């Protein structure tokens, strides 16, 4: 989660919402990502999607059944769908997202009867992850 936090801080410095994600297999990072929606002008450029794509490329396949995903913010519906489709068995996230979180905050997509249901652990370095988000959005409000 520490590397995901570093990526979130990199995103904030680039003017992006500070979310970072890493995919880990057997203790080794095999994919990482950060938000790049503003830079790439695309709603699809979320940290989780970037990390999943990098892990698939590194491992040579789309099934990430031996991996865990660490992300600083609870996944949204799009990212939760990608996690299900990549067959990631475990998701560990930091801060809860009361506006778009799909691992229990708004809804729990992983509890629905899809063909794959990841295990979820929320609250990993929660305060640190939430602080990065708070500071970023506070700075945006002050600029307005």
C-alpha atoms as a PDB file:
ATOM      1  CA  UNK A   1       0.000   0.000   0.000  1.00  0.00           C
ATOM      2  CA  UNK A   2       2.970   2.293   0.539  1.00  0.00           C
ATOM      3  CA  UNK A   3       3.805   2.186  -3.184  1.00  0.00           C
ATOM      4  CA  UNK A   4       0.150   2.892  -4.028  1.00  0.00           C
ATOM      5  CA  UNK A   5       0.328   5.945  -1.745  1.00  0.00           C
ATOM      6  CA  UNK A   6       3.471   7.134  -3.541  1.00  0.00           C
ATOM      7  CA  UNK A   7       1.615   6.809  -6.849  1.00  0.00           C
ATOM      8  CA  UNK A   8      -1.348   8.732  -5.425  1.00  0.00           C
ATOM      9  CA  UNK A   9       0.983  11.558  -4.419  1.00  0.00           C
ATOM     10  CA  UNK A  10       2.504  11.536  -7.934  1.00  0.00           C
ATOM     11  CA  UNK A  11      -1.015  11.869  -9.343  1.00  0.00           C
ATOM     12  CA  UNK A  12      -1.740  14.839  -7.077  1.00  0.00           C
ATOM     13  CA  UNK A  13       1.447  16.586  -8.183  1.00  0.00           C
ATOM     14  CA  UNK A  14       0.293  16.122 -11.791  1.00  0.00           C
ATOM     15  CA  UNK A  15      -3.096  17.683 -10.999  1.00  0.00           C
ATOM     16  CA  UNK A  16      -4.934  14.370 -10.939  1.00  0.00           C
ATOM     17  CA  UNK A  17      -7.218  13.011  -8.236  1.00  0.00           C
ATOM     18  CA  UNK A  18      -4.723  11.258  -5.951  1.00  0.00           C
ATOM     19  CA  UNK A  19      -5.422   7.569  -6.343  1.00  0.00           C
ATOM     20  CA  UNK A  20      -2.717   4.943  -6.749  1.00  0.00           C
ATOM     21  CA  UNK A  21      -2.899   1.185  -7.246  1.00  0.00           C
ATOM     22  CA  UNK A  22      -0.547  -1.782  -7.420  1.00  0.00           C
ATOM     23  CA  UNK A  23      -1.068  -5.408  -8.382  1.00  0.00           C
ATOM     24  CA  UNK A  24       1.067  -7.826  -6.383  1.00  0.00           C
ATOM     25  CA  UNK A  25       1.850 -11.486  -7.082  1.00  0.00           C
ATOM     26  CA  UNK A  26       3.788 -13.517  -4.518  1.00  0.00           C
ATOM     27  CA  UNK A  27       4.997 -10.368  -2.778  1.00  0.00           C
ATOM     28  CA  UNK A  28       6.248  -8.677  -5.953  1.00  0.00           C
ATOM     29  CA  UNK A  29       4.621  -5.689  -7.693  1.00  0.00           C
ATOM     30  CA  UNK A  30       3.710  -6.767 -11.237  1.00  0.00           C
ATOM     31  CA  UNK A  31       1.622  -3.737 -12.201  1.00  0.00           C
ATOM     32  CA  UNK A  32       1.077  -0.235 -10.962  1.00  0.00           C
ATOM     33  CA  UNK A  33      -0.981   2.763 -11.907  1.00  0.00           C
ATOM     34  CA  UNK A  34      -2.268   6.144 -10.910  1.00  0.00           C
ATOM     35  CA  UNK A  35      -5.102   8.339 -12.057  1.00  0.00           C
ATOM     36  CA  UNK A  36      -4.445  10.044 -15.402  1.00  0.00           C
ATOM     37  CA  UNK A  37      -7.956  11.168 -16.409  1.00  0.00           C
ATOM     38  CA  UNK A  38      -7.088  14.841 -16.789  1.00  0.00           C
ATOM     39  CA  UNK A  39      -3.817  14.183 -18.583  1.00  0.00           C
ATOM     40  CA  UNK A  40      -5.309  11.590 -20.930  1.00  0.00           C
ATOM     41  CA  UNK A  41      -8.703  13.303 -21.236  1.00  0.00           C
ATOM     42  CA  UNK A  42     -10.413   9.964 -20.671  1.00  0.00           C
ATOM     43  CA  UNK A  43     -12.829   8.715 -18.025  1.00  0.00           C
ATOM     44  CA  UNK A  44     -11.191   5.292 -18.373  1.00  0.00           C
ATOM     45  CA  UNK A  45      -7.785   6.261 -16.975  1.00  0.00           C
ATOM     46  CA  UNK A  46      -8.266   5.147 -13.380  1.00  0.00           C
ATOM     47  CA  UNK A  47      -5.398   3.863 -11.251  1.00  0.00           C
ATOM     48  CA  UNK A  48      -6.822   0.347 -10.940  1.00  0.00           C
ATOM     49  CA  UNK A  49      -7.298  -0.060 -14.703  1.00  0.00           C
ATOM     50  CA  UNK A  50      -3.756   1.087 -15.382  1.00  0.00           C
ATOM     51  CA  UNK A  51      -2.360  -1.308 -12.754  1.00  0.00           C
ATOM     52  CA  UNK A  52      -4.434  -4.224 -14.067  1.00  0.00           C
ATOM     53  CA  UNK A  53      -3.351  -3.558 -17.663  1.00  0.00           C
ATOM     54  CA  UNK A  54       0.308  -3.398 -16.613  1.00  0.00           C
ATOM     55  CA  UNK A  55      -0.005  -6.643 -14.635  1.00  0.00           C
ATOM     56  CA  UNK A  56      -1.663  -8.429 -17.569  1.00  0.00           C
ATOM     57  CA  UNK A  57       1.142  -7.272 -19.867  1.00  0.00           C
ATOM     58  CA  UNK A  58       3.845  -8.298 -17.386  1.00  0.00           C
ATOM     59  CA  UNK A  59       2.337 -11.729 -16.731  1.00  0.00           C
ATOM     60  CA  UNK A  60       1.239 -12.431 -20.277  1.00  0.00           C
ATOM     61  CA  UNK A  61      -2.444 -13.047 -19.638  1.00  0.00           C
ATOM     62  CA  UNK A  62      -5.686 -11.479 -18.484  1.00  0.00           C
ATOM     63  CA  UNK A  63      -6.390 -13.794 -15.528  1.00  0.00           C
ATOM     64  CA  UNK A  64      -4.759 -12.353 -12.418  1.00  0.00           C
ATOM     65  CA  UNK A  65      -5.938 -15.173 -10.157  1.00  0.00           C
ATOM     66  CA  UNK A  66      -2.670 -15.273  -8.158  1.00  0.00           C
ATOM     67  CA  UNK A  67      -2.631 -11.534  -7.420  1.00  0.00           C
ATOM     68  CA  UNK A  68      -3.823  -8.968  -4.942  1.00  0.00           C
ATOM     69  CA  UNK A  69      -4.789  -5.400  -5.794  1.00  0.00           C
ATOM     70  CA  UNK A  70      -3.869  -2.607  -3.389  1.00  0.00           C
ATOM     71  CA  UNK A  71      -5.576   0.727  -4.059  1.00  0.00           C
ATOM     72  CA  UNK A  72      -5.713   3.909  -1.991  1.00  0.00           C
ATOM     73  CA  UNK A  73      -9.440   4.519  -2.606  1.00  0.00           C
ATOM     74  CA  UNK A  74     -12.361   2.082  -2.641  1.00  0.00           C
ATOM     75  CA  UNK A  75     -12.965   1.030  -6.259  1.00  0.00           C
ATOM     76  CA  UNK A  76     -15.744   2.604  -8.343  1.00  0.00           C
ATOM     77  CA  UNK A  77     -18.223   0.509 -10.416  1.00  0.00           C
ATOM     78  CA  UNK A  78     -15.986   0.500 -13.506  1.00  0.00           C
ATOM     79  CA  UNK A  79     -12.911  -0.607 -11.587  1.00  0.00           C
ATOM     80  CA  UNK A  80     -14.870  -3.187  -9.571  1.00  0.00           C
ATOM     81  CA  UNK A  81     -16.028  -4.656 -12.886  1.00  0.00           C
ATOM     82  CA  UNK A  82     -12.458  -4.818 -14.160  1.00  0.00           C
ATOM     83  CA  UNK A  83     -11.363  -6.526 -10.937  1.00  0.00           C
ATOM     84  CA  UNK A  84     -14.091  -9.143 -11.355  1.00  0.00           C
ATOM     85  CA  UNK A  85     -13.198  -9.682 -15.020  1.00  0.00           C
ATOM     86  CA  UNK A  86      -9.473 -10.023 -14.248  1.00  0.00           C
ATOM     87  CA  UNK A  87     -10.308 -12.646 -11.596  1.00  0.00           C
ATOM     88  CA  UNK A  88      -8.317 -10.834  -8.912  1.00  0.00           C
ATOM     89  CA  UNK A  89      -9.052 -12.782  -5.720  1.00  0.00           C
ATOM     90  CA  UNK A  90      -8.221 -10.101  -3.137  1.00  0.00           C
ATOM     91  CA  UNK A  91      -8.677  -6.327  -3.036  1.00  0.00           C
ATOM     92  CA  UNK A  92      -7.161  -4.221  -0.271  1.00  0.00           C
ATOM     93  CA  UNK A  93      -8.157  -0.569  -0.244  1.00  0.00           C
ATOM     94  CA  UNK A  94      -7.379   2.421   1.945  1.00  0.00           C
ATOM     95  CA  UNK A  95     -10.031   5.147   2.152  1.00  0.00           C
ATOM     96  CA  UNK A  96     -13.743   4.534   1.728  1.00  0.00           C
ATOM     97  CA  UNK A  97     -15.559   6.384  -1.055  1.00  0.00           C
ATOM     98  CA  UNK A  98     -19.051   7.422   0.102  1.00  0.00           C
ATOM     99  CA  UNK A  99     -19.892   8.832  -3.354  1.00  0.00           C
ATOM    100  CA  UNK A 100     -18.829   6.023  -5.720  1.00  0.00           C
ATOM    101  CA  UNK A 101     -17.408   3.135  -3.671  1.00  0.00           C
ATOM    102  CA  UNK A 102     -18.568  -0.283  -4.818  1.00  0.00           C
ATOM    103  CA  UNK A 103     -17.011  -2.435  -2.099  1.00  0.00           C
ATOM    104  CA  UNK A 104     -19.609  -1.562   0.522  1.00  0.00           C
ATOM    105  CA  UNK A 105     -19.973   2.229   0.666  1.00  0.00           C
ATOM    106  CA  UNK A 106     -22.585   2.869  -2.054  1.00  0.00           C
ATOM    107  CA  UNK A 107     -23.079  -0.760  -3.028  1.00  0.00           C
ATOM    108  CA  UNK A 108     -21.105  -3.991  -2.956  1.00  0.00           C
ATOM    109  CA  UNK A 109     -20.642  -5.310  -6.484  1.00  0.00           C
ATOM    110  CA  UNK A 110     -18.506  -8.138  -5.149  1.00  0.00           C
ATOM    111  CA  UNK A 111     -21.493  -9.531  -3.239  1.00  0.00           C
ATOM    112  CA  UNK A 112     -23.564  -9.971  -6.409  1.00  0.00           C
ATOM    113  CA  UNK A 113     -23.760 -13.408  -8.052  1.00  0.00           C
ATOM    114  CA  UNK A 114     -21.077 -12.853 -10.685  1.00  0.00           C
ATOM    115  CA  UNK A 115     -18.829 -15.739 -11.717  1.00  0.00           C
ATOM    116  CA  UNK A 116     -16.042 -14.304  -9.522  1.00  0.00           C
ATOM    117  CA  UNK A 117     -16.287 -12.687  -6.087  1.00  0.00           C
ATOM    118  CA  UNK A 118     -13.121 -11.061  -4.736  1.00  0.00           C
ATOM    119  CA  UNK A 119     -12.410 -10.860  -1.026  1.00  0.00           C
ATOM    120  CA  UNK A 120     -12.169  -7.271   0.201  1.00  0.00           C
ATOM    121  CA  UNK A 121     -10.275  -5.665   3.037  1.00  0.00           C
ATOM    122  CA  UNK A 122     -10.941  -1.967   3.533  1.00  0.00           C
ATOM    123  CA  UNK A 123      -9.200   0.519   5.778  1.00  0.00           C
ATOM    124  CA  UNK A 124      -5.549  -0.340   5.050  1.00  0.00           C
ATOM    125  CA  UNK A 125      -3.599   2.840   5.938  1.00  0.00           C
ATOM    126  CA  UNK A 126      -7.025   4.467   5.786  1.00  0.00           C
ATOM    127  CA  UNK A 127      -6.184   7.753   7.468  1.00  0.00           C
ATOM    128  CA  UNK A 128      -3.074   8.295   5.380  1.00  0.00           C
ATOM    129  CA  UNK A 129      -4.954   7.527   2.160  1.00  0.00           C
ATOM    130  CA  UNK A 130      -7.861   9.776   3.152  1.00  0.00           C
ATOM    131  CA  UNK A 131      -5.492  12.613   4.109  1.00  0.00           C
ATOM    132  CA  UNK A 132      -3.912  12.647   0.644  1.00  0.00           C
ATOM    133  CA  UNK A 133      -7.366  12.981  -0.898  1.00  0.00           C
ATOM    134  CA  UNK A 134      -8.513  15.651   1.591  1.00  0.00           C
ATOM    135  CA  UNK A 135      -5.410  17.772   1.046  1.00  0.00           C
ATOM    136  CA  UNK A 136      -5.746  17.570  -2.742  1.00  0.00           C
ATOM    137  CA  UNK A 137      -9.411  18.601  -2.832  1.00  0.00           C
ATOM    138  CA  UNK A 138      -8.874  21.297  -0.201  1.00  0.00           C
ATOM    139  CA  UNK A 139      -6.181  22.771  -2.460  1.00  0.00           C
ATOM    140  CA  UNK A 140      -8.555  22.701  -5.435  1.00  0.00           C
ATOM    141  CA  UNK A 141     -11.262  24.546  -3.452  1.00  0.00           C
ATOM    142  CA  UNK A 142      -8.766  27.177  -2.318  1.00  0.00           C
ATOM    143  CA  UNK A 143      -7.738  27.874  -5.947  1.00  0.00           C
ATOM    144  CA  UNK A 144     -11.348  28.637  -6.923  1.00  0.00           C
END
